[in-house]
Amino acid sequence: MQQLKALDVSKNPDAAGMQLHIGFTAVLSVFLMALPLAVLFPPGVITISLFAKSYKEAQSYVSPLMVLVIIPAVRRCLPGVELTAKLALLPILNVSLLCKELVTGTYHWNFIALIFLSTCVYAAAALFLAVKMFQREDVLFRS
């Protein structure tokens, strides 16, 4: 019971600094920045798995892609990693760094535009590649 009293904000004003308030604007911004990233992955996975002849083979082709996704997302948690123009062009790291900034309430509009546009370009390229792969008969009618 003593621990609960220590966490009570009215009796311990230092505990108020530990609370995180995420506003509707931050949630909407993170959602909008994640949309092009969500469009990027399915065509990439489909394009890679089209080369497989079975489900197991497709899964073994796609598994390294998952590692390539997790590493940049975790890298943003390391100390000293800040959003720069160079990092704004790296596909997954840019959105995760920007989402960290948006949640804290910092809106760098030039980085937001650069990251949104670059991620949209990557997503469009992945969609184009997936469409081109589906147009090839040797991929579709493989035996």
C-alpha atoms as a PDB file:
ATOM      1  CA  MET A   1       0.000   0.000   0.000  1.00  0.00           C
ATOM      2  CA  GLN A   2       2.925   2.311   0.673  1.00  0.00           C
ATOM      3  CA  GLN A   3       4.121   1.959  -2.932  1.00  0.00           C
ATOM      4  CA  LEU A   4       0.764   3.074  -4.270  1.00  0.00           C
ATOM      5  CA  LYS A   5       0.935   6.258  -2.225  1.00  0.00           C
ATOM      6  CA  ALA A   6       4.375   7.030  -3.661  1.00  0.00           C
ATOM      7  CA  LEU A   7       2.977   6.888  -7.198  1.00  0.00           C
ATOM      8  CA  ASP A   8      -0.026   9.116  -6.453  1.00  0.00           C
ATOM      9  CA  VAL A   9       0.446  12.315  -8.493  1.00  0.00           C
ATOM     10  CA  SER A  10      -1.339  14.540  -6.003  1.00  0.00           C
ATOM     11  CA  LYS A  11       1.070  13.566  -3.227  1.00  0.00           C
ATOM     12  CA  ASN A  12       4.187  13.154  -5.364  1.00  0.00           C
ATOM     13  CA  PRO A  13       4.541  15.873  -8.015  1.00  0.00           C
ATOM     14  CA  ASP A  14       7.605  14.175  -9.537  1.00  0.00           C
ATOM     15  CA  ALA A  15       5.385  11.326 -10.745  1.00  0.00           C
ATOM     16  CA  ALA A  16       3.522  13.732 -13.043  1.00  0.00           C
ATOM     17  CA  GLY A  17       6.628  14.109 -15.208  1.00  0.00           C
ATOM     18  CA  MET A  18       6.649  10.384 -15.892  1.00  0.00           C
ATOM     19  CA  GLN A  19       3.205  10.303 -17.494  1.00  0.00           C
ATOM     20  CA  LEU A  20       2.959  10.262 -21.266  1.00  0.00           C
ATOM     21  CA  HIS A  21       0.127  12.134 -22.938  1.00  0.00           C
ATOM     22  CA  ILE A  22      -0.308  11.330 -26.601  1.00  0.00           C
ATOM     23  CA  GLY A  23      -2.745  13.631 -28.330  1.00  0.00           C
ATOM     24  CA  PHE A  24      -5.055  12.911 -31.224  1.00  0.00           C
ATOM     25  CA  THR A  25      -2.798  14.895 -33.569  1.00  0.00           C
ATOM     26  CA  ALA A  26       0.203  12.703 -32.732  1.00  0.00           C
ATOM     27  CA  VAL A  27      -1.789   9.501 -33.206  1.00  0.00           C
ATOM     28  CA  LEU A  28      -3.155  10.708 -36.536  1.00  0.00           C
ATOM     29  CA  SER A  29       0.312  11.826 -37.674  1.00  0.00           C
ATOM     30  CA  VAL A  30       1.883   8.474 -36.802  1.00  0.00           C
ATOM     31  CA  PHE A  31      -0.935   6.679 -38.617  1.00  0.00           C
ATOM     32  CA  LEU A  32      -0.494   8.803 -41.741  1.00  0.00           C
ATOM     33  CA  MET A  33       3.276   8.277 -41.745  1.00  0.00           C
ATOM     34  CA  ALA A  34       2.846   4.518 -41.343  1.00  0.00           C
ATOM     35  CA  LEU A  35       0.473   4.200 -44.310  1.00  0.00           C
ATOM     36  CA  PRO A  36       3.117   4.334 -47.077  1.00  0.00           C
ATOM     37  CA  LEU A  37       5.263   1.966 -45.034  1.00  0.00           C
ATOM     38  CA  ALA A  38       2.325  -0.440 -44.816  1.00  0.00           C
ATOM     39  CA  VAL A  39       1.945  -0.227 -48.598  1.00  0.00           C
ATOM     40  CA  LEU A  40       5.666  -0.957 -49.056  1.00  0.00           C
ATOM     41  CA  PHE A  41       5.791  -4.382 -47.403  1.00  0.00           C
ATOM     42  CA  PRO A  42       3.089  -6.542 -49.060  1.00  0.00           C
ATOM     43  CA  PRO A  43       4.360  -6.065 -52.628  1.00  0.00           C
ATOM     44  CA  GLY A  44       7.903  -6.727 -51.434  1.00  0.00           C
ATOM     45  CA  VAL A  45       6.905  -9.940 -49.704  1.00  0.00           C
ATOM     46  CA  ILE A  46       4.817 -11.053 -52.688  1.00  0.00           C
ATOM     47  CA  THR A  47       7.634 -10.313 -55.124  1.00  0.00           C
ATOM     48  CA  ILE A  48      10.132 -12.305 -53.076  1.00  0.00           C
ATOM     49  CA  SER A  49       7.780 -15.225 -52.487  1.00  0.00           C
ATOM     50  CA  LEU A  50       6.890 -15.516 -56.179  1.00  0.00           C
ATOM     51  CA  PHE A  51      10.277 -17.131 -56.751  1.00  0.00           C
ATOM     52  CA  ALA A  52       9.407 -20.002 -54.403  1.00  0.00           C
ATOM     53  CA  LYS A  53       7.862 -23.291 -55.473  1.00  0.00           C
ATOM     54  CA  SER A  54       6.285 -24.114 -52.119  1.00  0.00           C
ATOM     55  CA  TYR A  55       5.034 -22.424 -48.981  1.00  0.00           C
ATOM     56  CA  LYS A  56       8.053 -23.539 -46.966  1.00  0.00           C
ATOM     57  CA  GLU A  57      10.455 -22.225 -49.573  1.00  0.00           C
ATOM     58  CA  ALA A  58       8.623 -18.885 -49.678  1.00  0.00           C
ATOM     59  CA  GLN A  59       8.824 -18.619 -45.913  1.00  0.00           C
ATOM     60  CA  SER A  60      12.567 -19.240 -45.998  1.00  0.00           C
ATOM     61  CA  TYR A  61      12.943 -16.477 -48.603  1.00  0.00           C
ATOM     62  CA  VAL A  62      10.874 -13.978 -46.614  1.00  0.00           C
ATOM     63  CA  SER A  63      12.445 -14.648 -43.195  1.00  0.00           C
ATOM     64  CA  PRO A  64      15.606 -12.592 -43.846  1.00  0.00           C
ATOM     65  CA  LEU A  65      13.372  -9.694 -44.867  1.00  0.00           C
ATOM     66  CA  MET A  66      11.882  -9.681 -41.385  1.00  0.00           C
ATOM     67  CA  VAL A  67      15.353  -9.320 -39.884  1.00  0.00           C
ATOM     68  CA  LEU A  68      16.076  -6.447 -42.264  1.00  0.00           C
ATOM     69  CA  VAL A  69      12.919  -4.741 -41.010  1.00  0.00           C
ATOM     70  CA  ILE A  70      13.558  -5.228 -37.305  1.00  0.00           C
ATOM     71  CA  ILE A  71      17.173  -3.994 -37.233  1.00  0.00           C
ATOM     72  CA  PRO A  72      16.476  -0.401 -38.413  1.00  0.00           C
ATOM     73  CA  ALA A  73      13.395  -0.170 -36.214  1.00  0.00           C
ATOM     74  CA  VAL A  74      15.426  -1.145 -33.149  1.00  0.00           C
ATOM     75  CA  ARG A  75      18.317   1.117 -34.155  1.00  0.00           C
ATOM     76  CA  ARG A  76      16.210   4.188 -33.424  1.00  0.00           C
ATOM     77  CA  CYS A  77      16.201   3.231 -29.749  1.00  0.00           C
ATOM     78  CA  LEU A  78      19.969   3.509 -29.473  1.00  0.00           C
ATOM     79  CA  PRO A  79      21.286   6.652 -27.809  1.00  0.00           C
ATOM     80  CA  GLY A  80      22.609   9.339 -30.108  1.00  0.00           C
ATOM     81  CA  VAL A  81      20.484   8.418 -33.122  1.00  0.00           C
ATOM     82  CA  GLU A  82      18.724  11.595 -34.231  1.00  0.00           C
ATOM     83  CA  LEU A  83      16.716  12.378 -37.337  1.00  0.00           C
ATOM     84  CA  THR A  84      18.910  13.866 -40.081  1.00  0.00           C
ATOM     85  CA  ALA A  85      18.518  14.380 -43.826  1.00  0.00           C
ATOM     86  CA  LYS A  86      20.581  11.259 -44.573  1.00  0.00           C
ATOM     87  CA  LEU A  87      18.586   9.092 -42.182  1.00  0.00           C
ATOM     88  CA  ALA A  88      15.359  10.510 -43.606  1.00  0.00           C
ATOM     89  CA  LEU A  89      16.006   8.532 -46.785  1.00  0.00           C
ATOM     90  CA  LEU A  90      16.489   5.110 -45.157  1.00  0.00           C
ATOM     91  CA  PRO A  91      13.217   3.216 -45.570  1.00  0.00           C
ATOM     92  CA  ILE A  92      12.282   1.894 -42.128  1.00  0.00           C
ATOM     93  CA  LEU A  93      14.545   3.875 -39.865  1.00  0.00           C
ATOM     94  CA  ASN A  94      13.151   7.167 -41.156  1.00  0.00           C
ATOM     95  CA  VAL A  95       9.556   6.409 -40.211  1.00  0.00           C
ATOM     96  CA  SER A  96      10.472   5.009 -36.808  1.00  0.00           C
ATOM     97  CA  LEU A  97      12.624   8.065 -35.981  1.00  0.00           C
ATOM     98  CA  LEU A  98       9.879  10.388 -37.178  1.00  0.00           C
ATOM     99  CA  CYS A  99       7.229   8.580 -35.158  1.00  0.00           C
ATOM    100  CA  LYS A 100       9.412   8.987 -32.073  1.00  0.00           C
ATOM    101  CA  GLU A 101       9.570  12.743 -32.756  1.00  0.00           C
ATOM    102  CA  LEU A 102       5.845  12.998 -33.452  1.00  0.00           C
ATOM    103  CA  VAL A 103       4.914  11.267 -30.201  1.00  0.00           C
ATOM    104  CA  THR A 104       7.063  13.714 -28.247  1.00  0.00           C
ATOM    105  CA  GLY A 105       5.274  16.589 -29.976  1.00  0.00           C
ATOM    106  CA  THR A 106       8.101  17.740 -32.250  1.00  0.00           C
ATOM    107  CA  TYR A 107       6.992  18.375 -35.840  1.00  0.00           C
ATOM    108  CA  HIS A 108       9.855  18.903 -38.299  1.00  0.00           C
ATOM    109  CA  TRP A 109       7.810  19.676 -41.405  1.00  0.00           C
ATOM    110  CA  ASN A 110      10.736  19.419 -43.827  1.00  0.00           C
ATOM    111  CA  PHE A 111      11.612  15.944 -42.521  1.00  0.00           C
ATOM    112  CA  ILE A 112       7.944  14.934 -42.517  1.00  0.00           C
ATOM    113  CA  ALA A 113       7.616  15.860 -46.194  1.00  0.00           C
ATOM    114  CA  LEU A 114      10.925  14.216 -47.148  1.00  0.00           C
ATOM    115  CA  ILE A 115      10.127  10.995 -45.295  1.00  0.00           C
ATOM    116  CA  PHE A 116       6.574  10.798 -46.603  1.00  0.00           C
ATOM    117  CA  LEU A 117       7.681  11.373 -50.199  1.00  0.00           C
ATOM    118  CA  SER A 118      10.623   8.963 -50.042  1.00  0.00           C
ATOM    119  CA  THR A 119       8.501   6.242 -48.460  1.00  0.00           C
ATOM    120  CA  CYS A 120       5.820   6.781 -51.113  1.00  0.00           C
ATOM    121  CA  VAL A 121       8.482   6.416 -53.818  1.00  0.00           C
ATOM    122  CA  TYR A 122       9.738   3.176 -52.241  1.00  0.00           C
ATOM    123  CA  ALA A 123       6.159   1.864 -51.993  1.00  0.00           C
ATOM    124  CA  ALA A 124       5.440   2.796 -55.628  1.00  0.00           C
ATOM    125  CA  ALA A 125       8.634   1.039 -56.738  1.00  0.00           C
ATOM    126  CA  ALA A 126       7.657  -2.090 -54.789  1.00  0.00           C
ATOM    127  CA  LEU A 127       4.180  -2.049 -56.325  1.00  0.00           C
ATOM    128  CA  PHE A 128       5.646  -1.577 -59.805  1.00  0.00           C
ATOM    129  CA  LEU A 129       8.037  -4.483 -59.286  1.00  0.00           C
ATOM    130  CA  ALA A 130       5.233  -6.739 -58.008  1.00  0.00           C
ATOM    131  CA  VAL A 131       3.059  -5.883 -61.009  1.00  0.00           C
ATOM    132  CA  LYS A 132       5.948  -6.609 -63.378  1.00  0.00           C
ATOM    133  CA  MET A 133       6.541  -9.962 -61.681  1.00  0.00           C
ATOM    134  CA  PHE A 134       2.878 -10.932 -62.055  1.00  0.00           C
ATOM    135  CA  GLN A 135       3.018 -10.084 -65.760  1.00  0.00           C
ATOM    136  CA  ARG A 136       5.717 -12.673 -66.365  1.00  0.00           C
ATOM    137  CA  GLU A 137       4.255 -16.000 -67.472  1.00  0.00           C
ATOM    138  CA  ASP A 138       7.226 -18.070 -66.358  1.00  0.00           C
ATOM    139  CA  VAL A 139       6.635 -16.931 -62.775  1.00  0.00           C
ATOM    140  CA  LEU A 140       2.887 -17.468 -62.804  1.00  0.00           C
ATOM    141  CA  PHE A 141       2.723 -20.835 -64.564  1.00  0.00           C
ATOM    142  CA  ARG A 142       5.710 -22.512 -62.992  1.00  0.00           C
ATOM    143  CA  SER A 143       5.475 -26.243 -62.447  1.00  0.00           C
END
